[in-house]
């Protein structure tokens, strides 16, 4: 009997990627085999591929924003059907560490990932707890955004926005555009700031009340005029820059909240006047990754159409062009670069 094989794009060492064939995963009794439809390229993938993340071990298969179809289920999985559309969470939480026990699964101290492979391959195999079934009408392209949107949801939940408040989103690439849309679902009005005119146009089309290019217009003066001198009630810095954090903090209104959403590499230090925080009663925070609850909330936002993720896709590339996709992301070309692995073919 011949062994069925699958394709995977392996990163051998930083900067090197090659197509390999390997046997399809054997499915454990509590696991689900998913035939990959689409996998979005995350900037983290590009940073890992470039060797800028010391925690990433090679060789490995990257990719963690994946939708697809159930191809096989383990003996203990009774609630999923072959061919059912699903979306995947690739970080398997231990469930027993102090973080998991406190509901902070995003900070799990004993996560597993690499043994399950990544989304840049024909199949992935994950525990049932990491599989989210989709409604039959849900777009698989849209659903592939569940993981990054879950991270955005976590950050926006921290703001506890009230209707009518103003949020500044600094950097409106795919992540910033999702921040903007979630903020609007809380009733906030949004100022979108970016240096790329096409991204500002997309922000405007998705409901930003104001758009501004800080290269052409002084951002502080713009915020002052837009808010009648009050300042912004919340701000998210979706670009990895310590200088942008420093420049954004003074734009907050009294009691304002600022989220450092993007990791900053290479590492840098903030130079902040503590009196700004003290007298302004500012809340300076960060957010990273997501919990299962954030995943479920993100998926609801996608499936109900409250957040339009599919419109953020600018490039759809075949599996063999993952390397080109990494280059496009590194060059800030377009918006979301997505890999079409098996597409809509189903099982």
Protein backbone atom coordinates (compact mmCIF):
# COMPACT_ATOMS: atom_id res chain seq x y z
CA UNK A 1 0.00 0.00 0.00
CA UNK A 2 1.45 3.37 -1.04
CA UNK A 3 1.92 6.12 1.54
CA UNK A 4 0.01 9.31 0.80
CA UNK A 5 2.19 12.40 0.86
CA UNK A 6 1.72 16.13 1.28
CA UNK A 7 3.64 19.26 0.31
CA UNK A 8 5.21 21.56 2.88
CA UNK A 9 7.36 24.68 2.53
CA UNK A 10 10.29 24.17 4.89
CA UNK A 11 12.48 26.97 6.21
CA UNK A 12 15.82 25.21 6.50
CA UNK A 13 17.72 28.16 7.94
CA UNK A 14 16.93 31.88 8.08
CA UNK A 15 16.37 33.14 4.55
CA UNK A 16 16.15 29.70 2.93
CA UNK A 17 12.92 27.95 1.99
CA UNK A 18 12.25 24.82 -0.04
CA UNK A 19 9.36 22.61 -1.06
CA UNK A 20 9.36 19.13 0.50
CA UNK A 21 7.08 16.14 0.37
CA UNK A 22 6.42 14.06 3.47
CA UNK A 23 3.86 11.49 4.59
CA UNK A 24 0.53 12.97 5.66
CA UNK A 25 0.21 13.20 9.45
CA UNK A 26 -1.10 10.25 11.40
CA UNK A 27 -4.14 11.43 13.36
CA UNK A 28 -4.25 10.87 17.12
CA UNK A 29 -7.45 9.94 18.89
CA UNK A 30 -8.13 13.52 20.01
CA UNK A 31 -6.84 15.22 16.87
CA UNK A 32 -8.21 16.59 13.61
CA UNK A 33 -6.49 16.51 10.23
CA UNK A 34 -7.28 19.65 8.23
CA UNK A 35 -6.74 20.06 4.51
CA UNK A 36 -5.40 23.60 4.17
CA UNK A 37 -7.37 26.01 2.01
CA UNK A 38 -5.72 29.37 2.76
CA UNK A 39 -2.94 30.65 5.02
CA UNK A 40 -2.26 34.34 5.55
CA UNK A 41 1.29 35.63 5.88
CA UNK A 42 1.89 37.27 9.26
CA UNK A 43 4.72 39.80 9.72
CA UNK A 44 5.94 37.50 12.51
CA UNK A 45 6.52 34.80 9.86
CA UNK A 46 8.69 37.23 7.93
CA UNK A 47 10.63 38.25 11.05
CA UNK A 48 11.18 34.59 11.96
CA UNK A 49 12.20 33.72 8.41
CA UNK A 50 14.74 36.55 8.40
CA UNK A 51 16.36 35.21 11.59
CA UNK A 52 15.42 38.23 13.70
CA UNK A 53 13.56 36.16 16.31
CA UNK A 54 15.97 34.31 18.59
CA UNK A 55 13.22 32.04 19.94
CA UNK A 56 12.52 30.44 16.54
CA UNK A 57 14.32 27.16 15.92
CA UNK A 58 15.07 25.84 12.44
CA UNK A 59 14.27 23.89 10.34
CA UNK A 60 10.52 24.44 10.58
CA UNK A 61 7.30 25.03 8.66
CA UNK A 62 5.85 28.48 9.33
CA UNK A 63 2.28 29.75 8.88
CA UNK A 64 -0.44 30.04 11.51
CA UNK A 65 -3.39 31.90 9.94
CA UNK A 66 -5.12 28.93 8.34
CA UNK A 67 -8.56 27.86 7.19
CA UNK A 68 -9.47 24.57 5.55
CA UNK A 69 -11.60 21.44 5.58
CA UNK A 70 -11.77 18.51 7.99
CA UNK A 71 -9.99 15.62 6.25
CA UNK A 72 -9.90 13.07 9.09
CA UNK A 73 -10.83 12.93 12.78
CA UNK A 74 -9.48 10.89 15.68
CA UNK A 75 -11.49 8.19 17.41
CA UNK A 76 -12.61 10.51 20.23
CA UNK A 77 -13.74 13.36 17.98
CA UNK A 78 -17.48 12.94 17.45
CA UNK A 79 -18.72 16.45 16.61
CA UNK A 80 -16.96 17.17 13.31
CA UNK A 81 -17.74 15.83 9.86
CA UNK A 82 -15.36 15.10 6.98
CA UNK A 83 -15.42 18.03 4.58
CA UNK A 84 -16.62 20.51 7.23
CA UNK A 85 -15.01 23.97 6.88
CA UNK A 86 -12.91 25.03 9.89
CA UNK A 87 -10.26 27.48 11.00
CA UNK A 88 -7.20 26.62 13.12
CA UNK A 89 -5.42 27.90 16.22
CA UNK A 90 -1.85 26.65 16.01
CA UNK A 91 -0.64 27.40 19.53
CA UNK A 92 -1.61 24.49 21.78
CA UNK A 93 -1.92 25.71 25.35
CA UNK A 94 -0.99 23.42 28.24
CA UNK A 95 -4.05 24.29 30.33
CA UNK A 96 -2.27 23.72 33.66
CA UNK A 97 0.36 26.46 34.06
CA UNK A 98 -0.37 29.53 36.25
CA UNK A 99 -1.18 31.64 33.18
CA UNK A 100 -3.67 29.14 31.75
CA UNK A 101 -5.33 28.70 35.15
CA UNK A 102 -5.81 32.46 35.37
CA UNK A 103 -7.46 32.71 31.96
CA UNK A 104 -4.28 34.12 30.40
CA UNK A 105 -3.81 31.33 27.88
CA UNK A 106 -2.11 33.83 25.58
CA UNK A 107 0.79 33.76 28.06
CA UNK A 108 0.85 29.96 28.40
CA UNK A 109 4.22 28.94 29.83
CA UNK A 110 4.32 25.52 28.17
CA UNK A 111 2.84 25.92 24.66
CA UNK A 112 3.51 23.49 21.84
CA UNK A 113 3.52 24.35 18.15
CA UNK A 114 6.17 22.92 15.86
CA UNK A 115 5.21 19.25 16.20
CA UNK A 116 1.96 19.99 14.35
CA UNK A 117 3.59 21.61 11.36
CA UNK A 118 2.58 24.99 9.98
CA UNK A 119 0.02 26.40 7.60
CA UNK A 120 2.34 26.49 4.59
CA UNK A 121 1.53 22.89 3.75
CA UNK A 122 -1.29 20.79 2.30
CA UNK A 123 -2.40 19.48 5.71
CA UNK A 124 -2.14 20.38 9.38
CA UNK A 125 -2.98 18.18 12.38
CA UNK A 126 -4.17 19.75 15.64
CA UNK A 127 -6.07 18.85 18.80
CA UNK A 128 -9.85 19.17 18.54
CA UNK A 129 -9.72 22.04 21.06
CA UNK A 130 -7.76 24.09 18.53
CA UNK A 131 -10.28 23.67 15.71
CA UNK A 132 -13.12 26.18 15.20
CA UNK A 133 -16.01 25.05 12.96
CA UNK A 134 -17.34 27.56 10.45
CA UNK A 135 -20.84 28.28 9.27
CA UNK A 136 -21.31 26.87 5.74
CA UNK A 137 -21.69 30.37 4.29
CA UNK A 138 -18.48 31.74 5.84
CA UNK A 139 -15.73 32.67 3.39
CA UNK A 140 -12.62 30.57 3.97
CA UNK A 141 -10.47 33.54 2.95
CA UNK A 142 -12.18 35.75 5.53
CA UNK A 143 -11.99 33.06 8.23
CA UNK A 144 -8.22 32.71 7.81
CA UNK A 145 -7.97 36.08 9.61
CA UNK A 146 -9.38 34.66 12.86
CA UNK A 147 -6.02 34.46 14.64
CA UNK A 148 -4.75 37.99 13.90
CA UNK A 149 -8.21 39.43 14.50
CA UNK A 150 -8.31 37.62 17.87
CA UNK A 151 -5.10 39.43 18.83
CA UNK A 152 -6.68 42.72 17.76
CA UNK A 153 -9.83 41.95 19.77
CA UNK A 154 -7.73 41.33 22.86
CA UNK A 155 -6.06 44.71 22.49
CA UNK A 156 -9.30 46.58 21.81
CA UNK A 157 -11.05 44.93 24.78
CA UNK A 158 -8.42 46.49 27.04
CA UNK A 159 -9.58 49.98 26.05
CA UNK A 160 -13.14 49.51 27.34
CA UNK A 161 -14.30 52.04 24.77
CA UNK A 162 -17.50 54.04 25.15
CA UNK A 163 -19.65 55.09 22.18
CA UNK A 164 -18.52 58.44 20.87
CA UNK A 165 -14.94 58.21 22.10
CA UNK A 166 -12.14 58.86 19.63
CA UNK A 167 -9.43 56.30 18.92
CA UNK A 168 -6.23 56.98 17.00
CA UNK A 169 -4.83 54.03 15.01
CA UNK A 170 -1.19 54.60 14.10
CA UNK A 171 -0.39 52.39 11.13
CA UNK A 172 -3.26 51.06 9.03
CA UNK A 173 -1.86 47.99 7.41
CA UNK A 174 -4.01 44.85 7.74
CA UNK A 175 -3.69 44.84 11.56
CA UNK A 176 -4.44 48.53 11.94
CA UNK A 177 -7.44 48.25 9.63
CA UNK A 178 -8.83 45.48 11.84
CA UNK A 179 -8.21 47.59 14.95
CA UNK A 180 -10.14 50.39 13.29
CA UNK A 181 -13.10 48.18 12.46
CA UNK A 182 -13.31 46.65 15.95
CA UNK A 183 -13.12 50.11 17.54
CA UNK A 184 -16.04 51.20 15.39
CA UNK A 185 -18.06 48.22 16.63
CA UNK A 186 -17.63 49.65 20.13
CA UNK A 187 -19.05 52.94 18.84
CA UNK A 188 -15.76 54.81 18.68
CA UNK A 189 -14.83 57.33 16.01
CA UNK A 190 -11.44 56.64 14.45
CA UNK A 191 -8.50 58.72 13.27
CA UNK A 192 -6.36 56.58 10.93
CA UNK A 193 -2.73 57.64 10.51
CA UNK A 194 -0.33 56.20 7.94
CA UNK A 195 2.30 57.25 5.43
CA UNK A 196 0.85 55.18 2.55
CA UNK A 197 -1.99 56.94 0.68
CA UNK A 198 -3.56 53.66 -0.50
CA UNK A 199 -3.88 52.45 3.08
CA UNK A 200 -5.50 55.70 4.14
CA UNK A 201 -7.99 55.33 1.27
CA UNK A 202 -8.83 51.82 2.45
CA UNK A 203 -9.28 53.09 6.01
CA UNK A 204 -11.67 55.77 4.78
CA UNK A 205 -13.67 53.20 2.80
CA UNK A 206 -13.97 51.05 5.93
CA UNK A 207 -15.36 53.86 8.05
CA UNK A 208 -12.52 55.95 9.46
CA UNK A 209 -13.92 59.36 10.38
CA UNK A 210 -10.57 61.06 9.75
CA UNK A 211 -7.43 60.00 7.86
CA UNK A 212 -4.07 61.74 8.10
CA UNK A 213 -0.61 61.32 6.60
CA UNK A 214 1.87 62.52 9.28
CA UNK A 215 4.47 63.09 6.57
CA UNK A 216 2.24 65.80 5.11
CA UNK A 217 0.29 67.03 8.15
CA UNK A 218 1.40 67.59 11.74
CA UNK A 219 -0.31 64.77 13.63
CA UNK A 220 -0.53 66.61 16.95
CA UNK A 221 -2.22 69.61 15.36
CA UNK A 222 -4.55 67.34 13.41
CA UNK A 223 -5.63 65.50 16.58
CA UNK A 224 -6.09 68.79 18.42
CA UNK A 225 -8.35 70.16 15.70
CA UNK A 226 -10.33 66.93 15.23
CA UNK A 227 -11.05 66.56 18.95
CA UNK A 228 -11.58 70.21 19.81
CA UNK A 229 -8.39 70.24 21.85
CA UNK A 230 -9.43 67.30 24.04
CA UNK A 231 -7.13 64.63 22.61
CA UNK A 232 -7.83 61.02 21.74
CA UNK A 233 -9.43 58.73 24.30
CA UNK A 234 -7.48 55.72 23.07
CA UNK A 235 -4.57 55.07 20.74
CA UNK A 236 -3.06 51.90 19.33
CA UNK A 237 0.43 51.87 17.87
CA UNK A 238 0.35 49.11 15.27
CA UNK A 239 3.86 49.84 13.99
CA UNK A 240 6.97 48.52 15.74
CA UNK A 241 8.59 51.84 16.65
CA UNK A 242 9.52 53.19 20.07
CA UNK A 243 9.64 56.71 18.63
CA UNK A 244 6.01 56.43 17.49
CA UNK A 245 4.99 55.39 21.01
CA UNK A 246 6.76 58.45 22.41
CA UNK A 247 5.09 60.73 19.86
CA UNK A 248 1.62 59.25 20.39
CA UNK A 249 1.44 59.36 24.20
CA UNK A 250 1.10 63.20 24.43
CA UNK A 251 -1.89 63.05 22.06
CA UNK A 252 -4.04 61.30 24.67
CA UNK A 253 -6.95 63.02 26.38
CA UNK A 254 -7.16 62.97 30.19
CA UNK A 255 -7.65 59.36 31.23
CA UNK A 256 -6.52 58.19 27.79
CA UNK A 257 -5.31 54.67 27.05
CA UNK A 258 -2.44 53.67 24.78
CA UNK A 259 -1.73 50.14 23.54
CA UNK A 260 1.71 49.19 22.26
CA UNK A 261 0.37 46.51 19.94
CA UNK A 262 3.35 45.84 17.67
CA UNK A 263 6.54 44.22 18.92
CA UNK A 264 9.60 46.43 18.47
CA UNK A 265 12.63 44.84 16.78
CA UNK A 266 15.46 45.42 17.17
CA UNK A 267 14.77 46.09 20.83
CA UNK A 268 14.64 49.73 21.86
CA UNK A 269 13.94 51.82 24.94
CA UNK A 270 11.17 54.34 25.54
CA UNK A 271 11.98 57.86 26.67
CA UNK A 272 8.84 59.15 28.35
CA UNK A 273 8.09 61.99 30.75
CA UNK A 274 6.49 60.19 33.73
CA UNK A 275 4.59 63.35 34.62
CA UNK A 276 2.59 62.96 31.41
CA UNK A 277 1.33 59.64 32.70
CA UNK A 278 0.93 60.85 36.29
CA UNK A 279 -1.02 64.05 35.66
CA UNK A 280 -2.84 62.79 32.60
CA UNK A 281 -3.91 59.60 34.39
CA UNK A 282 -2.89 57.73 31.26
CA UNK A 283 -2.98 53.97 30.96
CA UNK A 284 -0.02 52.61 28.98
CA UNK A 285 -0.34 48.94 28.14
CA UNK A 286 0.48 46.26 25.61
CA UNK A 287 -1.22 43.16 24.30
CA UNK A 288 0.11 40.04 22.63
CA UNK A 289 -1.43 36.88 21.19
CA UNK A 290 -4.92 35.79 22.23
CA UNK A 291 -7.03 33.41 24.27
CA UNK A 292 -9.66 30.93 23.04
CA UNK A 293 -12.30 33.45 24.13
CA UNK A 294 -10.69 36.09 21.91
CA UNK A 295 -10.65 33.58 19.03
CA UNK A 296 -14.37 32.89 19.42
CA UNK A 297 -15.17 36.61 19.58
CA UNK A 298 -13.07 37.29 16.47
CA UNK A 299 -14.79 34.52 14.55
CA UNK A 300 -18.21 35.94 15.46
CA UNK A 301 -17.15 39.34 14.15
CA UNK A 302 -16.09 37.77 10.86
CA UNK A 303 -19.13 35.54 10.45
CA UNK A 304 -21.60 38.31 11.24
CA UNK A 305 -19.87 40.71 8.86
CA UNK A 306 -19.09 43.23 11.59
CA UNK A 307 -15.43 43.12 10.56
CA UNK A 308 -14.66 42.78 6.86
CA UNK A 309 -11.41 40.86 6.61
CA UNK A 310 -11.57 39.55 3.05
CA UNK A 311 -11.34 43.09 1.68
CA UNK A 312 -7.85 43.33 3.20
CA UNK A 313 -6.40 40.70 0.85
CA UNK A 314 -4.27 42.34 -1.84
CA UNK A 315 -2.32 39.32 -3.12
CA UNK A 316 -3.28 35.64 -3.46
CA UNK A 317 -0.25 33.45 -4.18
CA UNK A 318 0.25 29.70 -4.68
CA UNK A 319 2.03 27.63 -2.02
CA UNK A 320 5.28 27.52 -3.96
CA UNK A 321 5.50 31.33 -3.86
CA UNK A 322 5.64 31.71 -0.07
CA UNK A 323 9.12 33.19 -0.42
CA UNK A 324 7.82 35.87 -2.77
CA UNK A 325 5.03 36.55 -0.30
CA UNK A 326 7.58 37.13 2.46
CA UNK A 327 9.34 39.65 0.23
CA UNK A 328 6.10 41.52 -0.45
CA UNK A 329 5.35 41.79 3.28
CA UNK A 330 8.91 42.94 4.03
CA UNK A 331 8.54 45.63 1.35
CA UNK A 332 5.16 46.79 2.75
CA UNK A 333 3.59 46.02 -0.61
CA UNK A 334 -0.19 45.90 -0.76
CA UNK A 335 -2.10 44.78 2.32
CA UNK A 336 -2.64 41.13 3.30
CA UNK A 337 -0.60 38.59 1.37
CA UNK A 338 -2.42 35.24 1.43
CA UNK A 339 -1.29 31.84 0.26
CA UNK A 340 -3.82 29.73 -1.62
CA UNK A 341 -2.81 26.18 -0.69
CA UNK A 342 -5.77 24.00 -1.64
CA UNK A 343 -8.30 26.77 -2.11
CA UNK A 344 -11.99 25.93 -2.28
CA UNK A 345 -11.47 22.41 -3.65
CA UNK A 346 -12.70 20.78 -0.44
CA UNK A 347 -12.18 17.09 0.33
